[in-house]
PDB file of N, CA and C in Angstrom:
ATOM      1  N   MET A   1     -38.002 -17.570   7.052  1.00  0.00           N
ATOM      2  CA  MET A   1     -38.318 -16.831   7.982  1.00  0.00           C
ATOM      3  C   MET A   1     -39.760 -17.195   8.814  1.00  0.00           C
ATOM      4  N   SER A   2     -39.697 -17.131  10.404  1.00  0.00           N
ATOM      5  CA  SER A   2     -41.631 -18.303  10.459  1.00  0.00           C
ATOM      6  C   SER A   2     -42.407 -16.535  10.223  1.00  0.00           C
ATOM      7  N   SER A   3     -43.404 -17.156  11.001  1.00  0.00           N
ATOM      8  CA  SER A   3     -44.808 -16.260  10.566  1.00  0.00           C
ATOM      9  C   SER A   3     -44.247 -15.451  12.544  1.00  0.00           C
ATOM     10  N   GLY A   4     -44.395 -15.107  13.540  1.00  0.00           N
ATOM     11  CA  GLY A   4     -43.400 -14.623  14.918  1.00  0.00           C
ATOM     12  C   GLY A   4     -42.602 -14.046  14.198  1.00  0.00           C
ATOM     13  N   GLY A   5     -41.827 -14.296  13.320  1.00  0.00           N
ATOM     14  CA  GLY A   5     -40.177 -13.499  12.895  1.00  0.00           C
ATOM     15  C   GLY A   5     -40.525 -12.369  12.426  1.00  0.00           C
ATOM     16  N   VAL A   6     -41.867 -12.534  11.550  1.00  0.00           N
ATOM     17  CA  VAL A   6     -42.392 -11.474  10.395  1.00  0.00           C
ATOM     18  C   VAL A   6     -42.668 -10.411  11.167  1.00  0.00           C
ATOM     19  N   ILE A   7     -44.482 -10.969  12.158  1.00  0.00           N
ATOM     20  CA  ILE A   7     -44.556 -10.683  13.576  1.00  0.00           C
ATOM     21  C   ILE A   7     -43.558  -8.691  14.523  1.00  0.00           C
ATOM     22  N   ALA A   8     -42.838  -9.084  14.509  1.00  0.00           N
ATOM     23  CA  ALA A   8     -42.623  -9.337  15.203  1.00  0.00           C
ATOM     24  C   ALA A   8     -41.427  -8.365  14.156  1.00  0.00           C
ATOM     25  N   LEU A   9     -40.493  -8.456  13.284  1.00  0.00           N
ATOM     26  CA  LEU A   9     -40.900  -7.655  12.583  1.00  0.00           C
ATOM     27  C   LEU A   9     -40.837  -6.576  12.003  1.00  0.00           C
ATOM     28  N   LEU A  10     -42.226  -6.678  11.155  1.00  0.00           N
ATOM     29  CA  LEU A  10     -43.302  -5.684  11.532  1.00  0.00           C
ATOM     30  C   LEU A  10     -43.736  -4.685  12.313  1.00  0.00           C
ATOM     31  N   ALA A  11     -43.579  -5.293  13.405  1.00  0.00           N
ATOM     32  CA  ALA A  11     -43.915  -4.181  15.484  1.00  0.00           C
ATOM     33  C   ALA A  11     -43.314  -3.601  14.840  1.00  0.00           C
ATOM     34  N   THR A  12     -41.856  -4.230  14.972  1.00  0.00           N
ATOM     35  CA  THR A  12     -40.571  -3.581  15.539  1.00  0.00           C
ATOM     36  C   THR A  12     -40.276  -1.667  13.869  1.00  0.00           C
ATOM     37  N   GLY A  13     -40.433  -1.885  13.127  1.00  0.00           N
ATOM     38  CA  GLY A  13     -40.839  -1.382  11.789  1.00  0.00           C
ATOM     39  C   GLY A  13     -42.182  -0.332  11.965  1.00  0.00           C
ATOM     40  N   ILE A  14     -43.419  -0.808  12.676  1.00  0.00           N
ATOM     41  CA  ILE A  14     -44.475   0.612  12.788  1.00  0.00           C
ATOM     42  C   ILE A  14     -43.838   1.707  14.745  1.00  0.00           C
ATOM     43  N   ALA A  15     -43.836   0.172  15.491  1.00  0.00           N
ATOM     44  CA  ALA A  15     -43.001   1.891  16.410  1.00  0.00           C
ATOM     45  C   ALA A  15     -41.918   2.030  15.801  1.00  0.00           C
ATOM     46  N   LEU A  16     -40.661   1.570  15.112  1.00  0.00           N
ATOM     47  CA  LEU A  16     -39.626   3.061  14.825  1.00  0.00           C
ATOM     48  C   LEU A  16     -40.481   4.204  13.953  1.00  0.00           C
ATOM     49  N   VAL A  17     -40.791   3.670  12.620  1.00  0.00           N
ATOM     50  CA  VAL A  17     -41.361   4.803  12.403  1.00  0.00           C
ATOM     51  C   VAL A  17     -42.814   5.676  13.380  1.00  0.00           C
ATOM     52  N   LEU A  18     -43.427   5.533  13.715  1.00  0.00           N
ATOM     53  CA  LEU A  18     -43.836   6.084  14.551  1.00  0.00           C
ATOM     54  C   LEU A  18     -43.290   6.995  16.173  1.00  0.00           C
ATOM     55  N   GLY A  19     -42.253   6.175  16.219  1.00  0.00           N
ATOM     56  CA  GLY A  19     -41.146   7.080  17.017  1.00  0.00           C
ATOM     57  C   GLY A  19     -40.681   8.148  16.694  1.00  0.00           C
ATOM     58  N   LEU A  20     -40.326   7.126  15.820  1.00  0.00           N
ATOM     59  CA  LEU A  20     -39.262   8.804  14.150  1.00  0.00           C
ATOM     60  C   LEU A  20     -40.506  10.438  13.009  1.00  0.00           C
ATOM     61  N   LYS A  21     -41.669   9.494  13.932  1.00  0.00           N
ATOM     62  CA  LYS A  21     -42.906  10.495  13.743  1.00  0.00           C
ATOM     63  C   LYS A  21     -42.754  11.253  14.695  1.00  0.00           C
ATOM     64  N   ALA A  22     -43.551  10.582  15.677  1.00  0.00           N
ATOM     65  CA  ALA A  22     -43.528  11.508  17.552  1.00  0.00           C
ATOM     66  C   ALA A  22     -42.320  12.571  17.890  1.00  0.00           C
ATOM     67  N   ARG A  23     -40.585  12.452  17.193  1.00  0.00           N
ATOM     68  CA  ARG A  23     -39.964  13.160  17.420  1.00  0.00           C
ATOM     69  C   ARG A  23     -39.892  14.527  16.580  1.00  0.00           C
ATOM     70  N   GLN A  24     -40.016  13.985  15.061  1.00  0.00           N
ATOM     71  CA  GLN A  24     -41.044  14.383  14.849  1.00  0.00           C
ATOM     72  C   GLN A  24     -41.066  16.478  14.713  1.00  0.00           C
ATOM     73  N   SER A  25     -42.737  15.589  14.958  1.00  0.00           N
ATOM     74  CA  SER A  25     -43.898  16.875  15.488  1.00  0.00           C
ATOM     75  C   SER A  25     -43.197  17.570  16.899  1.00  0.00           C
ATOM     76  N   LEU A  26     -42.698  16.926  17.598  1.00  0.00           N
ATOM     77  CA  LEU A  26     -42.197  17.623  19.070  1.00  0.00           C
ATOM     78  C   LEU A  26     -41.197  18.402  18.608  1.00  0.00           C
ATOM     79  N   ARG A  27     -40.658  18.888  16.975  1.00  0.00           N
ATOM     80  CA  ARG A  27     -39.283  18.749  16.980  1.00  0.00           C
ATOM     81  C   ARG A  27     -40.141  20.008  15.851  1.00  0.00           C
ATOM     82  N   HIS A  28     -40.227  20.745  15.545  1.00  0.00           N
ATOM     83  CA  HIS A  28     -41.294  20.938  14.372  1.00  0.00           C
ATOM     84  C   HIS A  28     -42.155  22.790  14.595  1.00  0.00           C
ATOM     85  N   ASP A  29     -42.122  23.734  13.855  1.00  0.00           N
ATOM     86  CA  ASP A  29     -42.269  24.745  14.524  1.00  0.00           C
ATOM     87  C   ASP A  29     -43.620  24.681  14.452  1.00  0.00           C
ATOM     88  N   PRO A  30     -44.951  25.396  15.592  1.00  0.00           N
ATOM     89  CA  PRO A  30     -45.940  25.058  15.341  1.00  0.00           C
ATOM     90  C   PRO A  30     -47.005  26.145  14.728  1.00  0.00           C
ATOM     91  N   GLY A  31     -45.660  27.249  13.753  1.00  0.00           N
ATOM     92  CA  GLY A  31     -46.090  28.073  12.935  1.00  0.00           C
ATOM     93  C   GLY A  31     -46.944  29.867  13.887  1.00  0.00           C
ATOM     94  N   PRO A  32     -48.307  29.961  12.812  1.00  0.00           N
ATOM     95  CA  PRO A  32     -49.002  30.815  13.229  1.00  0.00           C
ATOM     96  C   PRO A  32     -49.706  30.577  14.488  1.00  0.00           C
ATOM     97  N   THR A  33     -50.345  31.620  16.015  1.00  0.00           N
ATOM     98  CA  THR A  33     -51.183  31.118  16.666  1.00  0.00           C
ATOM     99  C   THR A  33     -51.785  31.455  15.943  1.00  0.00           C
ATOM    100  N   ARG A  34     -53.087  30.985  16.565  1.00  0.00           N
ATOM    101  CA  ARG A  34     -54.713  31.111  16.600  1.00  0.00           C
ATOM    102  C   ARG A  34     -55.407  32.162  16.575  1.00  0.00           C
ATOM    103  N   GLY A  35     -56.158  32.152  16.353  1.00  0.00           N
ATOM    104  CA  GLY A  35     -57.260  33.907  16.843  1.00  0.00           C
ATOM    105  C   GLY A  35     -56.602  35.063  17.013  1.00  0.00           C
ATOM    106  N   GLN A  36     -57.420  35.606  17.691  1.00  0.00           N
ATOM    107  CA  GLN A  36     -56.369  37.675  17.278  1.00  0.00           C
ATOM    108  C   GLN A  36     -56.082  38.088  19.461  1.00  0.00           C
ATOM    109  N   LEU A  37     -55.140  39.402  19.453  1.00  0.00           N
ATOM    110  CA  LEU A  37     -55.206  39.425  19.637  1.00  0.00           C
ATOM    111  C   LEU A  37     -56.297  40.153  20.575  1.00  0.00           C
ATOM    112  N   PRO A  38     -55.915  40.756  22.314  1.00  0.00           N
ATOM    113  CA  PRO A  38     -56.984  41.461  23.274  1.00  0.00           C
ATOM    114  C   PRO A  38     -57.040  43.028  22.708  1.00  0.00           C
ATOM    115  N   GLY A  39     -57.818  43.496  22.715  1.00  0.00           N
ATOM    116  CA  GLY A  39     -58.123  44.839  22.523  1.00  0.00           C
ATOM    117  C   GLY A  39     -58.759  46.005  22.066  1.00  0.00           C
ATOM    118  N   ASP A  40     -59.383  46.324  22.374  1.00  0.00           N
ATOM    119  CA  ASP A  40     -60.440  48.045  21.938  1.00  0.00           C
ATOM    120  C   ASP A  40     -61.011  47.344  20.534  1.00  0.00           C
ATOM    121  N   GLY A  41     -62.355  47.174  20.550  1.00  0.00           N
ATOM    122  CA  GLY A  41     -63.703  46.499  19.497  1.00  0.00           C
ATOM    123  C   GLY A  41     -63.950  45.597  19.645  1.00  0.00           C
ATOM    124  N   VAL A  42     -64.818  44.926  18.569  1.00  0.00           N
ATOM    125  CA  VAL A  42     -65.757  43.970  18.587  1.00  0.00           C
ATOM    126  C   VAL A  42     -64.879  43.293  17.389  1.00  0.00           C
ATOM    127  N   THR A  43     -65.332  42.143  17.625  1.00  0.00           N
ATOM    128  CA  THR A  43     -65.497  41.617  16.382  1.00  0.00           C
ATOM    129  C   THR A  43     -67.236  40.736  15.707  1.00  0.00           C
ATOM    130  N   VAL A  44     -67.265  40.719  14.687  1.00  0.00           N
ATOM    131  CA  VAL A  44     -69.394  40.865  14.470  1.00  0.00           C
ATOM    132  C   VAL A  44     -69.016  39.689  13.619  1.00  0.00           C
ATOM    133  N   LEU A  45     -69.583  38.442  14.005  1.00  0.00           N
ATOM    134  CA  LEU A  45     -69.930  37.259  13.399  1.00  0.00           C
ATOM    135  C   LEU A  45     -71.629  36.935  12.930  1.00  0.00           C
ATOM    136  N   ARG A  46     -71.064  36.742  11.403  1.00  0.00           N
ATOM    137  CA  ARG A  46     -73.381  36.862  10.683  1.00  0.00           C
ATOM    138  C   ARG A  46     -73.274  34.775  10.339  1.00  0.00           C
ATOM    139  N   ALA A  47     -74.422  34.490  11.299  1.00  0.00           N
ATOM    140  CA  ALA A  47     -75.040  33.290  11.213  1.00  0.00           C
ATOM    141  C   ALA A  47     -75.827  33.497   9.530  1.00  0.00           C
ATOM    142  N   GLU A  48     -76.208  32.994   8.659  1.00  0.00           N
ATOM    143  CA  GLU A  48     -77.381  32.981   8.196  1.00  0.00           C
ATOM    144  C   GLU A  48     -78.121  31.595   7.529  1.00  0.00           C
ATOM    145  N   TYR A  49     -79.563  31.494   7.238  1.00  0.00           N
ATOM    146  CA  TYR A  49     -79.966  29.958   7.697  1.00  0.00           C
ATOM    147  C   TYR A  49     -80.984  30.166   6.343  1.00  0.00           C
ATOM    148  N   GLN A  50     -81.303  29.650   5.590  1.00  0.00           N
ATOM    149  CA  GLN A  50     -82.302  28.761   4.552  1.00  0.00           C
ATOM    150  C   GLN A  50     -82.062  28.167   4.019  1.00  0.00           C
ATOM    151  N   SER A  51     -84.204  27.860   4.390  1.00  0.00           N
ATOM    152  CA  SER A  51     -83.997  26.103   4.365  1.00  0.00           C
ATOM    153  C   SER A  51     -85.525  26.361   3.522  1.00  0.00           C
ATOM    154  N   GLY A  52     -84.953  27.544   2.122  1.00  0.00           N
ATOM    155  CA  GLY A  52     -85.347  27.493   0.738  1.00  0.00           C
ATOM    156  C   GLY A  52     -87.221  27.139   0.508  1.00  0.00           C
ATOM    157  N   MET A  53     -87.209  27.948  -0.140  1.00  0.00           N
ATOM    158  CA  MET A  53     -88.579  28.971   0.197  1.00  0.00           C
ATOM    159  C   MET A  53     -88.804  29.897   0.686  1.00  0.00           C
ATOM    160  N   GLY A  54     -87.953  30.369   0.482  1.00  0.00           N
ATOM    161  CA  GLY A  54     -88.046  32.353   0.558  1.00  0.00           C
ATOM    162  C   GLY A  54     -87.978  31.924   2.724  1.00  0.00           C
ATOM    163  N   GLY A  55     -87.694  30.574   3.586  1.00  0.00           N
ATOM    164  CA  GLY A  55     -88.143  30.057   4.870  1.00  0.00           C
ATOM    165  C   GLY A  55     -86.672  30.407   5.637  1.00  0.00           C
ATOM    166  N   GLY A  56     -85.867  31.332   6.332  1.00  0.00           N
ATOM    167  CA  GLY A  56     -84.835  31.144   6.840  1.00  0.00           C
ATOM    168  C   GLY A  56     -84.168  31.973   7.785  1.00  0.00           C
ATOM    169  N   GLU A  57     -83.342  32.437   8.291  1.00  0.00           N
ATOM    170  CA  GLU A  57     -82.667  33.226  10.097  1.00  0.00           C
ATOM    171  C   GLU A  57     -81.416  33.795   9.544  1.00  0.00           C
ATOM    172  N   GLU A  58     -81.503  34.847   9.936  1.00  0.00           N
ATOM    173  CA  GLU A  58     -79.986  35.693   9.780  1.00  0.00           C
ATOM    174  C   GLU A  58     -79.786  36.434  11.609  1.00  0.00           C
ATOM    175  N   THR A  59     -78.503  35.366  11.958  1.00  0.00           N
ATOM    176  CA  THR A  59     -78.692  35.952  12.790  1.00  0.00           C
ATOM    177  C   THR A  59     -77.021  36.677  13.271  1.00  0.00           C
ATOM    178  N   GLU A  60     -76.909  38.037  13.960  1.00  0.00           N
ATOM    179  CA  GLU A  60     -75.776  39.113  14.119  1.00  0.00           C
ATOM    180  C   GLU A  60     -75.206  38.247  15.818  1.00  0.00           C
ATOM    181  N   TYR A  61     -74.387  38.286  16.211  1.00  0.00           N
ATOM    182  CA  TYR A  61     -72.916  37.891  17.054  1.00  0.00           C
ATOM    183  C   TYR A  61     -71.965  38.836  17.634  1.00  0.00           C
ATOM    184  N   THR A  62     -71.709  39.928  18.012  1.00  0.00           N
ATOM    185  CA  THR A  62     -70.783  40.682  18.590  1.00  0.00           C
ATOM    186  C   THR A  62     -70.378  40.525  19.601  1.00  0.00           C
ATOM    187  N   ILE A  63     -68.710  40.275  19.464  1.00  0.00           N
ATOM    188  CA  ILE A  63     -68.125  39.630  20.394  1.00  0.00           C
ATOM    189  C   ILE A  63     -66.812  40.606  20.759  1.00  0.00           C
ATOM    190  N   PRO A  64     -67.041  41.081  21.939  1.00  0.00           N
ATOM    191  CA  PRO A  64     -65.907  41.377  21.923  1.00  0.00           C
ATOM    192  C   PRO A  64     -64.877  41.197  22.812  1.00  0.00           C
ATOM    193  N   LYS A  65     -63.758  42.193  22.153  1.00  0.00           N
ATOM    194  CA  LYS A  65     -62.090  41.439  21.896  1.00  0.00           C
ATOM    195  C   LYS A  65     -61.144  41.808  22.837  1.00  0.00           C
ATOM    196  N   ASP A  66     -62.007  42.517  23.860  1.00  0.00           N
ATOM    197  CA  ASP A  66     -61.678  42.422  25.580  1.00  0.00           C
ATOM    198  C   ASP A  66     -61.851  40.714  26.452  1.00  0.00           C
ATOM    199  N   PRO A  67     -61.315  40.336  26.704  1.00  0.00           N
ATOM    200  CA  PRO A  67     -61.350  39.649  27.516  1.00  0.00           C
ATOM    201  C   PRO A  67     -62.126  39.462  28.873  1.00  0.00           C
ATOM    202  N   GLN A  68     -61.517  41.518  29.175  1.00  0.00           N
ATOM    203  CA  GLN A  68     -62.990  40.971  30.338  1.00  0.00           C
ATOM    204  C   GLN A  68     -64.307  41.333  30.079  1.00  0.00           C
ATOM    205  N   ALA A  69     -64.469  41.870  28.841  1.00  0.00           N
ATOM    206  CA  ALA A  69     -66.367  42.586  28.189  1.00  0.00           C
ATOM    207  C   ALA A  69     -66.658  41.155  28.346  1.00  0.00           C
ATOM    208  N   TYR A  70     -65.718  39.616  27.091  1.00  0.00           N
ATOM    209  CA  TYR A  70     -66.453  38.793  27.057  1.00  0.00           C
ATOM    210  C   TYR A  70     -66.158  38.356  28.126  1.00  0.00           C
ATOM    211  N   ALA A  71     -65.484  37.598  29.181  1.00  0.00           N
ATOM    212  CA  ALA A  71     -66.529  37.362  30.515  1.00  0.00           C
ATOM    213  C   ALA A  71     -68.325  37.377  31.241  1.00  0.00           C
ATOM    214  N   ARG A  72     -67.309  39.055  31.401  1.00  0.00           N
ATOM    215  CA  ARG A  72     -68.831  39.791  31.118  1.00  0.00           C
ATOM    216  C   ARG A  72     -70.267  38.768  30.795  1.00  0.00           C
ATOM    217  N   LEU A  73     -70.152  38.632  29.237  1.00  0.00           N
ATOM    218  CA  LEU A  73     -71.118  38.016  28.288  1.00  0.00           C
ATOM    219  C   LEU A  73     -72.153  37.481  29.117  1.00  0.00           C
ATOM    220  N   PHE A  74     -70.878  36.568  29.724  1.00  0.00           N
ATOM    221  CA  PHE A  74     -72.045  35.287  30.739  1.00  0.00           C
ATOM    222  C   PHE A  74     -71.910  34.761  32.199  1.00  0.00           C
ATOM    223  N   VAL A  75     -71.973  36.306  32.736  1.00  0.00           N
ATOM    224  CA  VAL A  75     -72.232  36.874  34.412  1.00  0.00           C
ATOM    225  C   VAL A  75     -73.999  36.972  33.933  1.00  0.00           C
ATOM    226  N   PRO A  76     -74.612  35.836  34.428  1.00  0.00           N
ATOM    227  CA  PRO A  76     -75.952  36.268  34.435  1.00  0.00           C
ATOM    228  C   PRO A  76     -76.218  37.284  34.546  1.00  0.00           C
ATOM    229  N   LYS A  77     -78.096  37.628  34.049  1.00  0.00           N
ATOM    230  CA  LYS A  77     -78.366  39.496  34.758  1.00  0.00           C
ATOM    231  C   LYS A  77     -78.652  39.433  35.980  1.00  0.00           C
ATOM    232  N   GLU A  78     -78.969  38.572  36.429  1.00  0.00           N
ATOM    233  CA  GLU A  78     -79.511  38.984  38.549  1.00  0.00           C
ATOM    234  C   GLU A  78     -78.164  39.504  38.686  1.00  0.00           C
ATOM    235  N   LYS A  79     -76.824  38.179  38.880  1.00  0.00           N
ATOM    236  CA  LYS A  79     -76.088  38.325  38.907  1.00  0.00           C
ATOM    237  C   LYS A  79     -74.985  40.290  38.373  1.00  0.00           C
ATOM    238  N   ARG A  80     -75.547  40.731  37.349  1.00  0.00           N
ATOM    239  CA  ARG A  80     -74.306  42.328  37.123  1.00  0.00           C
ATOM    240  C   ARG A  80     -74.617  43.175  37.740  1.00  0.00           C
ATOM    241  N   THR A  81     -72.822  43.893  37.770  1.00  0.00           N
ATOM    242  CA  THR A  81     -73.078  45.336  38.602  1.00  0.00           C
ATOM    243  C   THR A  81     -73.081  45.608  37.726  1.00  0.00           C
ATOM    244  N   ASP A  82     -72.508  47.619  37.909  1.00  0.00           N
ATOM    245  CA  ASP A  82     -72.150  48.692  36.511  1.00  0.00           C
ATOM    246  C   ASP A  82     -70.846  48.554  37.279  1.00  0.00           C
ATOM    247  N   ARG A  83     -70.115  47.379  37.801  1.00  0.00           N
ATOM    248  CA  ARG A  83     -68.581  47.052  38.061  1.00  0.00           C
ATOM    249  C   ARG A  83     -67.767  47.509  36.778  1.00  0.00           C
ATOM    250  N   ARG A  84     -66.341  48.701  36.728  1.00  0.00           N
ATOM    251  CA  ARG A  84     -65.261  48.120  36.022  1.00  0.00           C
ATOM    252  C   ARG A  84     -64.663  47.472  35.938  1.00  0.00           C
TER     253      ARG A  84
END
C-alpha cells in the first residue's frame, strides 16, 4: 500500500471517530443544571489568603439570590435610586 493510501485511510478513520464522538455528545443527557434557582436570601462566599509569617487577608462576599437585587449591585452609586 502506498503512503498516500495509508494517509487517506488514517484521515478517514480519524474523521469517522470524530463524527461518532460528535453524534454521541449531541445525544448525551447534559445532566443536572449548574447554579441555583432564584429566590430569597443570600449566598455568602468567603475568600481567605495566607501568605505565611502571619500575613494574609480574609474577605466575605454576600451575593443575593434574587436576580434583580444582584443586578442592582452593578449600578454605580451616583445612578442608584430607591426604587424597587
